[in-house]
N, C-alpha and C. Protein backbone atom coordinates (compact mmCIF):
# COMPACT_ATOMS: atom_id res chain seq x y z
N MET A 1 68.49 -80.79 36.60
CA MET A 1 67.66 -80.80 35.36
C MET A 1 66.19 -79.96 36.00
N PRO A 2 65.88 -78.90 35.44
CA PRO A 2 64.08 -78.04 36.37
C PRO A 2 63.17 -79.33 35.58
N ARG A 3 62.33 -79.27 36.41
CA ARG A 3 60.70 -79.99 36.32
C ARG A 3 60.55 -79.96 34.78
N GLY A 4 60.26 -80.33 33.79
CA GLY A 4 59.25 -79.93 32.55
C GLY A 4 60.33 -79.84 31.58
N ASP A 5 61.82 -80.10 31.90
CA ASP A 5 62.98 -79.76 30.91
C ASP A 5 62.80 -81.22 29.63
N LYS A 6 62.94 -80.95 28.59
CA LYS A 6 62.69 -82.25 27.23
C LYS A 6 63.77 -82.38 27.41
N SER A 7 65.27 -82.30 27.37
CA SER A 7 66.42 -82.24 27.32
C SER A 7 66.71 -83.68 27.00
N ALA A 8 66.07 -84.81 27.71
CA ALA A 8 66.30 -86.52 28.23
C ALA A 8 65.47 -87.21 27.25
N TYR A 9 64.70 -86.14 26.03
CA TYR A 9 64.00 -87.14 25.03
C TYR A 9 64.32 -87.00 23.70
N THR A 10 64.41 -88.02 23.19
CA THR A 10 65.07 -88.68 21.94
C THR A 10 64.86 -87.41 21.06
N ALA A 11 64.85 -86.97 19.93
CA ALA A 11 64.43 -86.90 18.67
C ALA A 11 62.97 -87.09 18.16
N LYS A 12 63.07 -88.91 18.07
CA LYS A 12 61.47 -89.32 17.55
C LYS A 12 60.46 -88.81 18.77
N GLN A 13 60.86 -89.02 20.06
CA GLN A 13 59.53 -88.81 21.02
C GLN A 13 60.03 -87.60 20.77
N LYS A 14 60.47 -86.56 20.32
CA LYS A 14 60.35 -84.98 20.41
C LYS A 14 59.31 -84.76 19.34
N ARG A 15 59.50 -85.46 18.05
CA ARG A 15 58.66 -85.65 17.01
C ARG A 15 57.49 -85.69 17.17
N GLN A 16 57.36 -86.79 17.76
CA GLN A 16 56.11 -87.57 18.24
C GLN A 16 55.12 -86.64 18.64
N ALA A 17 55.73 -85.79 20.02
CA ALA A 17 55.15 -84.99 20.76
C ALA A 17 54.42 -83.50 20.08
N ARG A 18 55.34 -83.16 18.79
CA ARG A 18 54.74 -82.28 17.96
C ARG A 18 54.02 -83.04 17.50
N ASP A 19 53.74 -83.78 16.67
CA ASP A 19 52.70 -84.10 15.73
C ASP A 19 51.39 -84.32 16.41
N ILE A 20 51.53 -84.64 17.95
CA ILE A 20 50.73 -85.14 18.56
C ILE A 20 49.70 -83.56 19.02
N GLU A 21 50.79 -82.75 19.55
CA GLU A 21 50.09 -81.41 20.00
C GLU A 21 49.33 -80.93 18.49
N LYS A 22 50.21 -80.71 17.76
CA LYS A 22 49.46 -80.34 16.41
C LYS A 22 48.42 -80.47 16.23
N SER A 23 47.92 -82.28 16.27
CA SER A 23 46.26 -82.46 15.81
C SER A 23 45.69 -82.34 17.19
N TYR A 24 45.84 -82.36 18.31
CA TYR A 24 44.91 -81.76 19.25
C TYR A 24 44.42 -80.07 18.84
N GLU A 25 45.54 -79.05 18.91
CA GLU A 25 45.64 -77.71 18.11
C GLU A 25 44.56 -78.12 17.05
N GLU A 26 44.23 -78.90 16.21
CA GLU A 26 43.50 -78.60 14.77
C GLU A 26 42.23 -78.73 15.65
N LYS A 27 42.07 -80.03 16.85
CA LYS A 27 40.69 -80.22 17.11
C LYS A 27 40.15 -78.63 17.84
N GLY A 28 40.85 -78.03 18.09
CA GLY A 28 40.07 -76.70 18.95
C GLY A 28 40.91 -76.63 20.05
N ILE A 29 41.80 -77.09 20.58
CA ILE A 29 42.37 -77.30 22.15
C ILE A 29 43.33 -76.68 22.26
N SER A 30 43.27 -75.45 23.74
CA SER A 30 44.71 -74.78 23.20
C SER A 30 45.82 -75.16 23.16
N GLU A 31 46.84 -74.32 23.18
CA GLU A 31 48.24 -74.54 22.63
C GLU A 31 48.67 -75.45 24.30
N LYS A 32 48.48 -74.86 25.24
CA LYS A 32 48.97 -75.12 26.45
C LYS A 32 48.25 -76.78 26.92
N VAL A 33 47.28 -76.50 26.66
CA VAL A 33 46.76 -78.06 26.95
C VAL A 33 47.26 -78.64 26.07
N ALA A 34 47.33 -78.84 24.67
CA ALA A 34 47.34 -79.67 23.91
C ALA A 34 49.46 -80.06 24.40
N ALA A 35 49.93 -79.36 24.08
CA ALA A 35 51.48 -79.74 24.63
C ALA A 35 51.30 -80.49 25.81
N LYS A 36 50.58 -80.08 27.18
CA LYS A 36 50.48 -81.29 28.16
C LYS A 36 49.78 -82.47 27.30
N ARG A 37 48.93 -82.76 27.35
CA ARG A 37 48.43 -84.06 26.66
C ARG A 37 49.70 -84.75 25.67
N ALA A 38 49.94 -83.94 24.91
CA ALA A 38 51.17 -84.52 23.71
C ALA A 38 52.43 -84.96 24.66
N TRP A 39 52.43 -84.16 25.41
CA TRP A 39 53.67 -84.96 26.11
C TRP A 39 53.63 -86.23 27.25
N ALA A 40 52.09 -85.93 27.69
CA ALA A 40 51.39 -87.04 28.49
C ALA A 40 51.24 -88.14 27.54
N THR A 41 51.03 -88.51 26.29
CA THR A 41 50.67 -89.46 25.49
C THR A 41 52.10 -90.49 25.42
N VAL A 42 52.74 -89.23 24.88
CA VAL A 42 54.44 -89.78 24.28
C VAL A 42 55.30 -90.31 25.58
N ASN A 43 55.16 -90.12 26.84
CA ASN A 43 55.15 -90.86 28.24
C ASN A 43 54.67 -92.46 28.16
N LYS A 44 53.47 -92.00 28.13
CA LYS A 44 52.63 -93.24 28.14
C LYS A 44 53.69 -94.46 27.21
N LEU A 45 53.62 -93.49 25.91
CA LEU A 45 53.73 -95.04 24.82
C LEU A 45 55.32 -95.35 25.32
N SER A 46 56.25 -94.49 25.56
CA SER A 46 57.49 -94.83 25.32
C SER A 46 57.84 -94.70 26.82
N GLY A 47 57.27 -94.69 28.28
CA GLY A 47 57.79 -95.03 29.26
C GLY A 47 58.44 -93.82 30.08
N GLY A 48 58.97 -92.40 29.00
CA GLY A 48 59.74 -91.58 29.51
C GLY A 48 60.93 -91.26 28.81
N GLY A 49 61.50 -90.21 28.93
CA GLY A 49 62.88 -89.76 28.47
C GLY A 49 63.77 -90.94 28.20
N LYS A 50 64.91 -90.45 27.34
CA LYS A 50 65.75 -91.47 26.83
C LYS A 50 66.88 -92.16 28.00
N LEU A 51 67.01 -91.34 28.99
CA LEU A 51 67.83 -91.75 29.99
C LEU A 51 67.17 -93.37 30.70
N SER A 52 68.24 -94.29 31.33
CA SER A 52 67.94 -95.52 31.43
C SER A 52 67.26 -94.63 33.20
N GLY A 53 66.29 -96.08 33.85
CA GLY A 53 65.90 -95.81 35.29
C GLY A 53 64.73 -96.50 35.34
N SER A 54 63.92 -96.25 36.25
CA SER A 54 62.75 -96.72 36.88
C SER A 54 61.95 -96.37 36.05
N GLY A 55 61.81 -95.63 35.52
CA GLY A 55 60.46 -94.97 34.38
C GLY A 55 60.79 -95.68 33.19
N ARG A 56 61.68 -96.32 32.81
CA ARG A 56 61.67 -97.02 31.74
C ARG A 56 60.48 -98.67 31.43
N LYS A 57 60.13 -99.37 30.54
CA LYS A 57 59.52 -99.82 30.56
C LYS A 57 60.11 -101.11 29.56
N ALA A 58 59.87 -101.92 29.33
CA ALA A 58 60.42 -103.42 28.66
C ALA A 58 59.49 -103.06 27.40
N SER A 59 59.78 -103.00 26.39
CA SER A 59 58.86 -102.90 24.88
C SER A 59 57.84 -104.15 24.83
N LYS A 60 56.78 -103.86 24.17
CA LYS A 60 55.63 -104.99 23.84
C LYS A 60 56.24 -106.40 23.83
N ILE A 61 57.46 -106.13 22.40
CA ILE A 61 57.90 -107.24 21.98
C ILE A 61 58.89 -107.82 22.89
N ALA A 62 59.64 -106.93 23.54
CA ALA A 62 60.08 -107.92 24.77
C ALA A 62 59.29 -108.28 25.86
N VAL A 63 58.44 -107.89 26.18
CA VAL A 63 57.53 -108.62 27.38
C VAL A 63 56.64 -109.97 26.73
N LYS A 64 56.36 -109.56 25.29
CA LYS A 64 55.49 -110.91 24.44
C LYS A 64 56.37 -112.24 25.11
N THR A 65 58.25 -112.09 24.21
CA THR A 65 58.79 -112.84 24.11
C THR A 65 59.99 -113.17 25.70
N GLY A 66 59.80 -112.60 26.39
CA GLY A 66 59.95 -112.92 27.88
C GLY A 66 61.52 -112.39 27.83
N ALA A 67 62.10 -111.73 26.94
CA ALA A 67 63.38 -111.18 26.80
C ALA A 67 63.84 -110.36 28.09
N LYS A 68 63.37 -109.36 28.42
CA LYS A 68 64.02 -108.57 30.03
C LYS A 68 63.68 -109.35 30.87
N ARG A 69 62.02 -110.12 31.06
CA ARG A 69 62.08 -110.73 32.39
C ARG A 69 61.74 -112.00 32.12
N LYS A 70 62.43 -112.91 33.29
CA LYS A 70 61.92 -114.23 33.22
C LYS A 70 61.94 -114.51 34.87
N SER A 71 61.15 -115.51 34.83
CA SER A 71 60.58 -115.91 36.42
C SER A 71 61.79 -116.50 36.91
N ALA A 72 61.46 -116.89 38.35
CA ALA A 72 62.47 -117.33 38.84
C ALA A 72 62.69 -118.56 38.81
N ALA A 73 61.83 -119.22 38.44
CA ALA A 73 61.84 -120.77 37.88
C ALA A 73 63.32 -120.71 36.86
N LYS A 74 62.60 -119.98 36.01
CA LYS A 74 63.58 -119.87 34.78
C LYS A 74 64.66 -119.70 35.18
N SER A 75 65.06 -118.49 35.65
CA SER A 75 66.17 -118.01 35.96
C SER A 75 67.34 -119.21 36.79
N THR A 76 66.95 -119.89 37.79
CA THR A 76 67.48 -120.58 38.39
C THR A 76 68.10 -121.69 37.92
N GLY A 77 67.11 -122.11 36.57
CA GLY A 77 67.70 -123.42 35.71
C GLY A 77 67.03 -124.86 36.47
N LYS A 78 66.30 -124.34 37.41
CA LYS A 78 65.69 -125.83 38.42
C LYS A 78 64.35 -126.38 38.02
N THR A 79 63.76 -127.58 37.89
CA THR A 79 62.45 -127.88 37.51
C THR A 79 61.99 -128.67 38.29
N ALA A 80 61.16 -129.05 38.61
CA ALA A 80 60.37 -129.35 39.42
C ALA A 80 60.49 -130.93 38.83
N LYS A 81 61.10 -131.88 40.16
CA LYS A 81 60.42 -133.64 39.27
C LYS A 81 60.03 -134.00 39.90
N PRO A 82 59.52 -135.07 39.19
CA PRO A 82 58.14 -135.71 39.43
C PRO A 82 58.44 -136.46 40.84
N ALA A 83 57.43 -136.72 41.30
CA ALA A 83 57.61 -137.64 42.77
C ALA A 83 57.95 -139.07 42.26
N ALA A 84 58.42 -139.68 43.15
CA ALA A 84 58.90 -141.35 42.89
C ALA A 84 57.99 -141.94 43.23
N PRO A 85 57.22 -143.02 42.13
CA PRO A 85 56.66 -143.82 42.90
C PRO A 85 56.76 -144.92 43.57
N ARG A 86 55.34 -144.39 44.38
CA ARG A 86 55.65 -145.20 46.02
C ARG A 86 55.55 -146.73 45.83
N LYS A 87 56.26 -147.24 46.40
CA LYS A 87 56.58 -149.05 46.53
C LYS A 87 55.44 -149.09 47.20
N SER A 88 54.80 -150.33 46.60
CA SER A 88 53.76 -150.78 48.14
C SER A 88 54.16 -151.88 48.82
N PRO A 89 54.01 -151.97 49.54
CA PRO A 89 54.34 -153.24 50.81
C PRO A 89 54.13 -154.39 50.45
N PRO A 90 55.24 -155.09 51.02
CA PRO A 90 55.36 -156.34 50.73
C PRO A 90 53.92 -157.42 51.19
N ARG A 91 53.74 -158.15 50.39
CA ARG A 91 52.37 -159.89 50.85
C ARG A 91 53.28 -159.92 51.48
N ARG A 92 51.76 -160.72 51.98
CA ARG A 92 51.75 -161.57 53.44
C ARG A 92 51.61 -163.02 52.87
């Protein structure tokens, strides 16, 4: 897949980029610059194309609920035990 190929994007992402590009052009920005800005915005919002990989981010909802990531302590199921109370030395 050559650089700049948009085949890895979903229909929704393509539609978003088209609408964003149109709004930039209405503001007087050139077609080429508007297209670059539109795709940069789509990439920022969605994390890239539809294919899985390192460029994909967890959704904001998943991050808030912790659905995608868990801390090491939670994933192992271990909890910290409270310290046992110390016994005082015997009185003489």
